[in-house]
Protein backbone atom coordinates (compact mmCIF):
# COMPACT_ATOMS: atom_id res chain seq x y z
CA MET A 1 -1.60 -14.95 22.63
CA LEU A 2 0.46 -15.76 19.53
CA PHE A 3 -2.69 -16.80 17.69
CA LEU A 4 -4.40 -13.53 18.67
CA THR A 5 -1.31 -11.61 17.50
CA PHE A 6 -1.42 -13.45 14.16
CA PHE A 7 -5.17 -12.88 13.72
CA VAL A 8 -5.01 -9.19 14.68
CA ALA A 9 -2.19 -8.63 12.19
CA ILE A 10 -4.19 -10.17 9.34
CA VAL A 11 -7.31 -8.15 10.14
CA ILE A 12 -5.53 -4.84 10.77
CA ASN A 13 -3.44 -4.96 7.59
CA PHE A 14 -6.37 -6.21 5.52
CA PHE A 15 -8.45 -3.19 6.46
CA GLY A 16 -5.36 -0.97 6.24
CA TYR A 17 -5.17 -1.53 2.48
CA ILE A 18 -8.86 -0.95 1.75
CA PRO A 19 -8.71 2.90 1.65
CA LEU A 20 -7.48 4.07 -1.73
CA GLY A 21 -3.74 4.64 -1.77
CA ASN A 22 -0.66 4.14 -3.91
CA ILE A 23 -0.45 0.37 -3.36
CA ASN A 24 -4.01 -0.78 -4.05
CA LEU A 25 -4.37 1.63 -6.98
CA THR A 26 -1.10 0.37 -8.44
CA THR A 27 -2.39 -3.18 -7.97
CA VAL A 28 -5.55 -2.31 -9.92
CA GLN A 29 -3.49 -0.67 -12.63
CA ILE A 30 -1.23 -3.71 -13.04
CA ALA A 31 -4.20 -6.06 -13.12
CA VAL A 32 -5.84 -3.97 -15.85
CA ASN A 33 -2.76 -3.19 -17.95
CA ARG A 34 -0.68 -6.35 -17.48
CA GLY A 35 -3.18 -9.02 -16.47
CA VAL A 36 -3.99 -11.06 -13.38
CA LYS A 37 -0.83 -13.20 -13.54
CA GLN A 38 1.48 -10.18 -13.41
CA ALA A 39 -0.65 -8.64 -10.66
CA LEU A 40 -0.25 -11.82 -8.59
CA TYR A 41 3.54 -11.68 -9.02
CA PHE A 42 3.41 -8.07 -7.83
CA ILE A 43 1.21 -8.57 -4.75
CA THR A 44 3.05 -11.74 -3.68
CA THR A 45 6.42 -10.00 -3.80
CA PHE A 46 5.03 -6.86 -2.22
CA SER A 47 3.42 -8.81 0.64
CA ILE A 48 6.66 -10.65 1.44
CA VAL A 49 8.59 -7.36 1.56
CA GLU A 50 5.72 -5.87 3.57
CA GLY A 51 6.22 -8.57 6.19
CA PHE A 52 9.92 -7.73 6.61
CA CYS A 53 9.25 -3.98 6.73
CA THR A 54 6.44 -4.46 9.24
CA TYR A 55 8.81 -6.32 11.54
CA VAL A 56 11.36 -3.46 11.40
CA LEU A 57 8.72 -0.76 11.89
CA MET A 58 7.10 -2.58 14.81
CA ARG A 59 10.52 -2.87 16.42
CA PHE A 60 10.84 0.91 16.35
CA ALA A 61 7.12 1.83 16.55
CA GLU A 62 7.39 3.70 19.84
CA TRP A 63 10.50 5.58 18.70
CA PHE A 64 8.82 6.63 15.44
CA ALA A 65 5.69 7.74 17.29
CA SER A 66 7.74 9.99 19.61
CA ASN A 67 9.21 11.90 16.63
CA GLU A 68 6.36 13.96 15.15
CA LYS A 69 8.62 15.49 12.50
CA TRP A 70 8.46 12.13 10.71
CA LEU A 71 4.75 12.59 10.07
CA TYR A 72 5.32 16.04 8.58
CA LEU A 73 8.10 14.75 6.32
CA LEU A 74 6.01 11.77 5.24
CA ASP A 75 3.21 14.05 4.07
CA TRP A 76 5.62 15.71 1.63
CA ILE A 77 6.93 12.33 0.50
CA LEU A 78 3.38 11.12 -0.10
CA ILE A 79 2.56 14.22 -2.14
CA VAL A 80 5.56 13.58 -4.40
CA VAL A 81 4.69 9.86 -4.71
CA PHE A 82 1.04 10.56 -5.56
CA LEU A 83 1.96 13.19 -8.14
CA ILE A 84 4.50 10.90 -9.83
CA LEU A 85 2.08 7.97 -9.92
CA GLY A 86 -0.67 10.29 -11.17
CA PHE A 87 1.43 11.53 -14.09
CA LEU A 88 2.52 7.97 -14.90
CA SER A 89 -1.10 6.83 -14.93
CA LEU A 90 -2.07 9.78 -17.12
CA ARG A 91 0.77 9.00 -19.49
CA ALA A 92 -0.28 5.35 -19.67
CA SER A 93 -3.79 6.42 -20.66
CA THR A 94 -2.55 8.90 -23.28
CA HIS A 95 0.25 6.79 -24.78
CA PRO A 96 -0.70 3.12 -24.34
CA LYS A 97 2.03 0.68 -25.32
CA GLN A 98 1.83 -2.94 -26.34
CA VAL A 99 4.57 -4.37 -24.16
CA GLN A 100 5.33 -7.98 -23.28
CA PHE A 101 5.69 -7.80 -19.51
CA ARG A 102 8.01 -10.26 -17.81
CA LYS A 103 7.64 -11.88 -14.40
CA ARG A 104 10.71 -10.11 -13.06
CA ASP A 105 9.25 -6.70 -13.97
CA SER A 106 6.31 -7.20 -11.61
CA VAL A 107 8.53 -8.83 -8.96
CA ARG A 108 10.96 -5.90 -9.09
CA TYR A 109 8.05 -3.45 -8.89
CA GLY A 110 6.72 -5.28 -5.83
CA ILE A 111 10.10 -5.09 -4.11
CA ILE A 112 10.51 -1.38 -4.84
CA LEU A 113 7.03 -0.40 -3.64
CA GLY A 114 7.32 -2.75 -0.68
CA ILE A 115 10.45 -0.98 0.52
CA PHE A 116 9.49 2.56 -0.49
CA ASN A 117 5.94 2.59 0.84
CA PRO A 118 5.45 5.86 2.77
CA MET A 119 1.95 4.90 3.88
CA GLN A 120 3.32 2.00 5.88
CA ILE A 121 5.39 4.11 8.29
CA PRO A 122 2.64 6.27 9.87
CA PHE A 123 0.27 3.30 9.80
CA TRP A 124 2.51 1.11 11.93
CA MET A 125 4.12 3.85 14.03
CA ILE A 126 0.67 4.84 15.27
CA GLY A 127 -1.19 1.56 14.97
CA GLY A 128 1.74 -0.49 16.24
CA THR A 129 2.17 1.65 19.33
CA TYR A 130 -1.58 1.43 20.02
CA LEU A 131 -1.69 -2.36 19.65
CA ILE A 132 1.35 -2.88 21.88
CA SER A 133 0.25 -0.43 24.58
CA HIS A 134 -3.25 -1.95 24.74
CA HIS A 135 -1.87 -5.52 24.80
CA TRP A 136 -3.68 -6.60 21.65
CA ILE A 137 -0.49 -8.27 20.51
CA THR A 138 2.56 -9.71 22.18
CA THR A 139 6.13 -8.75 21.37
CA ALA A 140 7.61 -11.51 23.52
CA GLY A 141 9.39 -14.45 21.94
CA TRP A 142 8.22 -14.92 18.35
CA GLY A 143 5.47 -12.33 18.75
CA LEU A 144 6.72 -9.76 16.24
CA GLN A 145 7.70 -12.43 13.71
CA ILE A 146 4.21 -13.95 13.89
CA PHE A 147 2.67 -10.49 13.65
CA SER A 148 4.73 -9.66 10.55
CA ILE A 149 3.68 -12.88 8.80
CA GLY A 150 0.05 -12.11 9.60
CA ALA A 151 0.45 -8.57 8.27
CA ALA A 152 1.87 -9.94 5.01
CA ILE A 153 -1.06 -12.35 4.63
CA GLY A 154 -3.58 -9.59 5.38
CA ALA A 155 -2.02 -7.35 2.73
CA PHE A 156 -2.03 -10.17 0.16
CA ILE A 157 -5.69 -11.07 0.74
CA CYS A 158 -6.83 -7.45 0.44
CA LEU A 159 -4.77 -6.73 -2.68
CA TYR A 160 -5.88 -10.01 -4.28
CA LEU A 161 -9.50 -8.89 -3.86
CA PHE A 162 -8.57 -5.60 -5.56
CA VAL A 163 -7.15 -7.59 -8.48
CA ARG A 164 -10.34 -9.62 -8.84
CA PHE A 165 -12.52 -6.53 -8.41
CA ALA A 166 -10.57 -4.62 -11.07
CA ARG A 167 -10.91 -7.43 -13.60
CA TYR A 168 -14.60 -7.86 -12.77
CA ILE A 169 -15.33 -4.16 -13.28
CA GLN A 170 -13.36 -4.11 -16.52
CA ASP A 171 -15.17 -7.15 -17.92
CA LYS A 172 -18.62 -6.29 -16.55
CA PHE A 173 -18.73 -2.73 -17.84
CA ALA A 174 -16.36 -3.19 -20.79
CA LEU A 175 -14.18 -0.32 -19.59
CA SER A 176 -11.10 0.48 -21.60
CA ASN A 177 -7.63 0.66 -20.10
CA ARG A 178 -7.59 4.35 -20.99
CA ILE A 179 -10.64 5.15 -18.86
CA ILE A 180 -9.35 3.13 -15.91
CA ASN A 181 -5.87 4.68 -16.08
CA ARG A 182 -7.33 8.19 -16.22
CA SER A 183 -9.60 7.43 -13.29
CA ILE A 184 -6.63 6.16 -11.27
CA ALA A 185 -4.62 9.25 -12.24
CA PHE A 186 -7.48 11.45 -11.00
CA VAL A 187 -7.54 9.64 -7.64
CA PHE A 188 -3.75 10.02 -7.26
CA PHE A 189 -3.97 13.77 -7.95
CA LEU A 190 -6.89 14.04 -5.54
CA LEU A 191 -4.90 12.29 -2.78
CA ALA A 192 -1.96 14.64 -3.41
CA ALA A 193 -4.30 17.65 -3.21
CA LEU A 194 -5.78 16.42 0.09
CA HIS A 195 -2.32 16.12 1.63
CA ILE A 196 -1.40 19.61 0.41
CA ILE A 197 -4.59 21.00 1.96
CA LYS A 198 -3.75 19.16 5.19
CA LEU A 199 -0.26 20.72 5.32
CA ILE A 200 -1.65 24.19 4.60
CA TRP A 201 -4.26 23.74 7.33
CA VAL A 202 -1.60 22.66 9.85
CA PHE A 203 0.64 25.59 8.84
CA PHE A 204 -2.03 28.27 9.34
CA LYS A 205 -3.70 26.60 12.32
């Protein structure tokens, strides 16, 4: 059962980071603007923090799921996050800077986004409750610890593929950093708009 818990965690979190969001888009941006090495520092640090946060969230998954107001609040938080990241991406495309990035910059960025990752809370409060209630994973003994490690590995694998994909696209099509940053900014603004539409729909429903 522990092996199944570990495997499920890897698969679930791998697929959880495939849809475009603040983490994988930031990973692409770092890979393009700072290089693969800095991106690896970022995703390694982020994945480790992700593992710790997953453990905490899974501990309180049922409690989070029973408080629907959290989901409403998280939508507003996500809108703010997407708008900020969108403006930062737009600024990076308009005013590119030649900066020598240090390892600790990417590590610090990974820690910050790992802790303040709004997408993670609804993902695990809903998904975690589902997995536990349907006995896909075990919470007995070292169950949650094993699950958290698997989740961290799943996140790392998925984000690593985003790094490689970003570099491949940039090299293959000779895309400039400016074009990529503007494209990422557009996606962030689009995600913010979709959440605003969702809140408006819920309000008038």
